[in-house]
Each structure stands twice: as C-alpha cells, then as structure tokens.
Amino acid sequence: MRSLLLSISLLCGVLNGVHAVEVPVVQQECKTVAAAYRVQLQSGKQPARTQTWYVIRDAQRIVISKPGVDDIWRRNAAGQVSFERVFHDDKTVVEYAAGELATLGLSPNWVELGSLFDPAKLSQLKKMPAKASTGLSRYQGRLGQEQIQTVWMDSISLPQSLVRSEHNRIVRFTLEKHFDQAPADWPIVSRAIDDYARLDASDFGDMEYNPVVRKAMHLDVLAGWRTEHDHVEGHAH
C-alpha cells in the first residue's frame, strides 16, 4: 500500500505519504493548524499499540511528531520539498534533499502529507449522511485493497476520525484536540534540535556502519522508499 504518510509506514508498514514520480497536479493549500491524534496500530490478532501523534502544518513546513522520531517536511519558495527524520534518542537528524527524494523515485504530495489523507480522494468514496450544521462530512469505501472510513473536518482539511485497513492491518486516528498554533508544551515545539548531529541521506553508502544510518535505511524499506535489496546493497559498498 503506497498512500498517505511515511510516518505510518515507519511503524506498521501500512501507509506512506509519497508516491512514485507522477505528473504534478495543482493542489489546494490547507489552513495552518496544529492537531493531536490518538493513533492505534493493529496487525492481526496482536494487541493494538496506542500512541499520541502531533501534526503541525503551515505553508512551508509539515511536522509529524511521534514517540522517539519526528518527520519534518519543508517546502521552499520554488515548491521543492525536502525531508528530515529526527532521531531524538540518537540526537541526530537525517536529511533528504529534494534531489535525494527524486533519486529514490518519490514525489511528495504536500496536501496529503499535511492532511493524513488526500482530500482529492474523498470523491472516490461514498459520502454518508451527516448533519450539515456540524461542518463534518462522512465517507467510507474502498481504494484499491484498502478499506477507508473517515469523518472529515472540511474547515481545516483534517480527519476527526480515520480508519484505514488492509490485510488484517488497521490504523485508527482519533482527533483529541486542535489549535491554530501549536502550544508551547508540545514535544516538537519544546524540544531543541539545533545541537543535533546531521547526516545527509545521499551519503549513506559511505556510512554503512553508522547505527543511525542503519535505522534510517530500515525505515526507508518499511516506507517502500527502498527495497530490501537496496538496503543490503547499500551496506555492501
């Protein structure tokens, strides 16, 4: 399954938010927002894992903050998108420049990354009855092999709830709170990373024994950015 956020793929291999290079489309900008979600990830009969994720979105930056690892997407004035994966336990930031993402065959969808689900795909789902006065829309249906259920907040282009399931793997997002600006005590706001070491993803082949590089490449494989063969081959150089 190659849709939605890298962040989810890093934990359960189900979803991610970048795609193979395709013809760009004009994307509607979304409002600046900060949202906290309860995220439950379940695979087969294993107990569900529950975490709190923070999503912070503006015109130039999208942050998905999770326990131990943050994903930071940046967009420059020319519209080029880069990515940073922050490993807090290792005090290290791994940087993926726009050119490196292109080398990996990826084309980030800015609106989808900042909305947890591509709003353009809502029209492919069945719209269910909902009270117009609530500002919420309900959708359900199937996209490929994936079953989708969502209650969508049209005003801020984010789900109030979102359930995605495929092959006995389920991801549930439940909105806990949202603000126009992130509160100062949220992890991504309060954690300083200026003194963290920085690694360039394009140099992975020269850092094969670095434990952070190994972590990053493994997460790339889970996200579908690299194959396991690429991972092994990269360490063989």
Protein backbone atom coordinates (compact mmCIF):
# COMPACT_ATOMS: atom_id res chain seq x y z
CA MET A 1 0.00 0.00 0.00
CA ARG A 2 1.69 3.21 -1.17
CA SER A 3 -0.55 6.03 0.07
CA LEU A 4 -0.52 8.66 2.85
CA LEU A 5 2.22 9.17 5.34
CA LEU A 6 5.69 7.85 5.60
CA SER A 7 5.16 8.21 9.32
CA ILE A 8 2.61 5.42 9.49
CA SER A 9 4.72 3.13 7.35
CA LEU A 10 7.62 3.57 9.73
CA LEU A 11 5.57 1.88 12.46
CA CYS A 12 3.46 -0.73 10.71
CA GLY A 13 4.39 -0.83 7.03
CA VAL A 14 0.83 0.03 6.04
CA LEU A 15 0.78 3.57 4.69
CA ASN A 16 3.04 6.35 3.47
CA GLY A 17 2.68 9.80 2.02
CA VAL A 18 4.93 9.90 -1.01
CA HIS A 19 4.48 8.24 -4.35
CA ALA A 20 6.45 7.20 -7.36
CA VAL A 21 7.13 10.18 -9.59
CA GLU A 22 3.97 11.22 -11.41
CA VAL A 23 2.61 14.22 -13.29
CA PRO A 24 2.20 17.07 -10.76
CA VAL A 25 -1.32 18.30 -10.08
CA VAL A 26 -2.49 21.65 -8.77
CA GLN A 27 -3.13 21.20 -5.05
CA GLN A 28 -5.32 23.38 -2.87
CA GLU A 29 -3.48 24.88 0.09
CA CYS A 30 -4.64 23.92 3.58
CA LYS A 31 -5.01 26.16 6.62
CA THR A 32 -2.28 26.44 9.23
CA VAL A 33 -3.18 24.06 12.05
CA ALA A 34 -1.79 22.01 14.93
CA ALA A 35 -3.56 18.78 15.87
CA ALA A 36 -3.04 15.97 18.38
CA TYR A 37 -4.22 12.46 17.48
CA ARG A 38 -4.58 9.20 19.33
CA VAL A 39 -3.22 6.62 16.92
CA GLN A 40 -3.92 2.91 17.27
CA LEU A 41 -2.00 0.43 15.14
CA GLN A 42 -3.05 -3.19 15.00
CA SER A 43 -1.74 -6.13 12.98
CA GLY A 44 -3.61 -9.44 13.00
CA LYS A 45 -4.52 -10.66 16.47
CA GLN A 46 -1.76 -8.73 18.20
CA PRO A 47 -2.83 -6.14 20.77
CA ALA A 48 -3.22 -2.65 19.35
CA ARG A 49 -0.42 -0.16 20.03
CA THR A 50 -1.63 3.27 21.05
CA GLN A 51 0.41 6.44 20.66
CA THR A 52 -0.10 10.19 20.57
CA TRP A 53 0.99 11.95 17.40
CA TYR A 54 1.21 15.69 16.84
CA VAL A 55 0.66 17.22 13.40
CA ILE A 56 1.78 20.80 12.77
CA ARG A 57 1.11 22.27 9.35
CA ASP A 58 1.81 25.57 7.66
CA ALA A 59 2.68 26.70 4.14
CA GLN A 60 6.40 25.87 4.42
CA ARG A 61 6.58 23.07 6.98
CA ILE A 62 4.72 19.91 7.99
CA VAL A 63 5.76 18.12 11.18
CA ILE A 64 4.54 14.72 12.36
CA SER A 65 5.86 14.18 15.87
CA LYS A 66 5.76 10.65 17.29
CA PRO A 67 7.43 8.94 20.26
CA GLY A 68 11.18 8.98 19.59
CA VAL A 69 11.07 10.09 15.94
CA ASP A 70 9.82 13.21 14.20
CA ASP A 71 9.22 13.65 10.48
CA ILE A 72 9.71 17.18 9.15
CA TRP A 73 8.78 18.12 5.59
CA ARG A 74 9.88 21.50 4.25
CA ARG A 75 8.88 23.32 1.07
CA ASN A 76 10.93 26.19 -0.34
CA ALA A 77 9.79 29.18 -2.40
CA ALA A 78 10.33 27.20 -5.61
CA GLY A 79 7.99 24.46 -4.39
CA GLN A 80 10.77 21.90 -3.84
CA VAL A 81 10.09 19.54 -0.93
CA SER A 82 12.78 18.14 1.38
CA PHE A 83 12.52 15.81 4.35
CA GLU A 84 14.20 15.43 7.75
CA ARG A 85 13.89 12.43 10.02
CA VAL A 86 14.76 13.30 13.62
CA PHE A 87 16.01 10.53 15.91
CA HIS A 88 15.80 12.02 19.39
CA ASP A 89 17.40 9.10 21.23
CA ASP A 90 20.45 9.46 18.97
CA LYS A 91 20.31 13.27 18.84
CA THR A 92 20.65 13.03 15.07
CA VAL A 93 18.78 14.47 12.08
CA VAL A 94 18.89 12.62 8.75
CA GLU A 95 18.35 14.99 5.82
CA TYR A 96 16.79 14.05 2.47
CA ALA A 97 17.21 16.90 -0.02
CA ALA A 98 14.69 17.31 -2.83
CA GLY A 99 17.18 15.73 -5.22
CA GLU A 100 17.63 12.69 -2.98
CA LEU A 101 13.86 12.17 -2.79
CA ALA A 102 13.75 12.32 -6.59
CA THR A 103 16.61 9.80 -6.77
CA LEU A 104 14.52 7.47 -4.62
CA GLY A 105 11.68 7.90 -7.14
CA LEU A 106 9.45 9.84 -4.76
CA SER A 107 7.09 12.74 -5.40
CA PRO A 108 5.72 14.13 -2.12
CA ASN A 109 2.08 15.21 -2.14
CA TRP A 110 2.16 18.29 0.11
CA VAL A 111 -1.59 18.44 0.77
CA GLU A 112 -1.82 14.73 1.56
CA LEU A 113 1.18 14.84 3.91
CA GLY A 114 -0.43 17.66 5.88
CA SER A 115 -3.93 16.16 5.96
CA LEU A 116 -3.26 12.49 6.89
CA PHE A 117 -5.38 11.57 3.88
CA ASP A 118 -5.51 13.05 0.38
CA PRO A 119 -8.67 15.22 0.26
CA ALA A 120 -8.77 14.73 -3.51
CA LYS A 121 -9.56 11.06 -2.91
CA LEU A 122 -12.64 11.73 -0.81
CA SER A 123 -14.65 11.97 -4.03
CA GLN A 124 -13.76 8.32 -4.71
CA LEU A 125 -15.51 7.25 -1.50
CA LYS A 126 -19.22 7.05 -0.74
CA LYS A 127 -20.48 10.12 1.11
CA MET A 128 -22.64 9.14 4.05
CA PRO A 129 -25.44 11.16 5.72
CA ALA A 130 -24.23 13.82 8.17
CA LYS A 131 -25.69 16.93 9.79
CA ALA A 132 -24.72 19.93 7.71
CA SER A 133 -24.55 22.21 10.75
CA THR A 134 -21.61 20.25 12.24
CA GLY A 135 -19.17 21.09 9.46
CA LEU A 136 -18.32 17.39 9.26
CA SER A 137 -18.56 15.03 6.29
CA ARG A 138 -18.66 11.25 6.49
CA TYR A 139 -17.14 8.95 3.90
CA GLN A 140 -16.48 5.28 3.53
CA GLY A 141 -15.43 2.94 0.79
CA ARG A 142 -12.56 1.09 -0.78
CA LEU A 143 -9.46 2.42 -2.52
CA GLY A 144 -7.73 -0.50 -4.18
CA GLN A 145 -7.36 -3.15 -1.48
CA GLU A 146 -7.75 -0.65 1.33
CA GLN A 147 -10.96 -0.01 3.29
CA ILE A 148 -11.46 3.61 4.40
CA GLN A 149 -13.82 5.18 6.94
CA THR A 150 -13.50 8.83 7.90
CA VAL A 151 -15.29 11.74 9.49
CA TRP A 152 -13.78 14.75 7.74
CA MET A 153 -13.47 18.31 9.05
CA ASP A 154 -13.91 20.41 5.93
CA SER A 155 -12.87 23.69 7.56
CA ILE A 156 -9.31 22.57 8.34
CA SER A 157 -8.96 19.63 5.93
CA LEU A 158 -8.17 17.05 8.59
CA PRO A 159 -9.99 13.92 9.79
CA GLN A 160 -11.85 13.96 13.07
CA SER A 161 -11.51 10.19 12.77
CA LEU A 162 -9.89 7.99 10.16
CA VAL A 163 -9.73 4.19 9.93
CA ARG A 164 -7.64 2.52 7.24
CA SER A 165 -7.47 -1.26 6.99
CA GLU A 166 -5.95 -3.81 4.66
CA HIS A 167 -4.89 -7.45 5.06
CA ASN A 168 -5.67 -7.59 8.82
CA ARG A 169 -3.72 -4.40 9.46
CA ILE A 170 -5.65 -1.45 10.87
CA VAL A 171 -4.66 2.13 11.62
CA ARG A 172 -7.10 4.33 13.58
CA PHE A 173 -6.70 8.08 14.01
CA THR A 174 -8.86 9.90 16.53
CA LEU A 175 -8.54 13.66 16.92
CA GLU A 176 -8.00 14.71 20.54
CA LYS A 177 -7.59 18.48 20.08
CA HIS A 178 -6.55 21.07 17.55
CA PHE A 179 -5.39 24.68 17.56
CA ASP A 180 -4.43 27.42 15.13
CA GLN A 181 -0.89 27.33 16.56
CA ALA A 182 0.93 24.56 18.41
CA PRO A 183 1.01 25.02 22.22
CA ALA A 184 4.47 25.71 23.63
CA ASP A 185 4.48 22.48 25.66
CA TRP A 186 4.00 20.18 22.66
CA PRO A 187 7.08 17.95 22.13
CA ILE A 188 8.10 19.25 18.70
CA VAL A 189 7.86 22.82 19.97
CA SER A 190 9.67 22.32 23.27
CA ARG A 191 12.45 20.01 22.02
CA ALA A 192 15.51 21.83 20.67
CA ILE A 193 17.36 20.06 17.85
CA ASP A 194 19.87 22.76 16.90
CA ASP A 195 22.70 20.85 18.58
CA TYR A 196 21.83 17.51 16.96
CA ALA A 197 24.27 15.87 14.53
CA ARG A 198 23.16 15.97 10.89
CA LEU A 199 23.59 13.25 8.27
CA ASP A 200 22.94 13.52 4.53
CA ALA A 201 20.92 10.59 3.15
CA SER A 202 22.83 10.81 -0.13
CA ASP A 203 25.97 9.76 1.79
CA PHE A 204 24.51 6.55 3.24
CA GLY A 205 26.84 4.39 1.14
CA ASP A 206 29.84 5.90 2.92
CA MET A 207 28.38 5.42 6.40
CA GLU A 208 27.31 1.79 6.29
CA TYR A 209 28.26 1.03 9.89
CA ASN A 210 26.63 4.09 11.42
CA PRO A 211 23.77 2.82 13.63
CA VAL A 212 21.54 5.80 12.76
CA VAL A 213 22.08 5.17 9.04
CA ARG A 214 21.03 1.57 9.58
CA LYS A 215 17.88 2.72 11.36
CA ALA A 216 17.07 5.25 8.65
CA MET A 217 17.57 2.79 5.81
CA HIS A 218 15.41 0.21 7.57
CA LEU A 219 12.64 2.78 7.89
CA ASP A 220 13.09 3.63 4.20
CA VAL A 221 12.46 -0.03 3.39
CA LEU A 222 9.33 -0.15 5.58
CA ALA A 223 8.07 3.00 3.85
CA GLY A 224 8.61 1.49 0.41
CA TRP A 225 11.31 4.02 -0.47
CA ARG A 226 13.93 1.32 -0.94
CA THR A 227 13.81 -2.43 -1.42
CA GLU A 228 15.46 -4.81 0.99
CA HIS A 229 17.97 -5.50 -1.78
CA ASP A 230 18.84 -1.79 -1.94
CA HIS A 231 19.27 -1.81 1.82
CA VAL A 232 21.69 -4.75 1.80
CA GLU A 233 23.48 -3.48 -1.30
CA GLY A 234 23.92 -0.06 0.26
CA HIS A 235 25.80 -1.61 3.19
CA ALA A 236 27.91 -3.71 0.84
CA HIS A 237 29.55 -0.72 -0.84
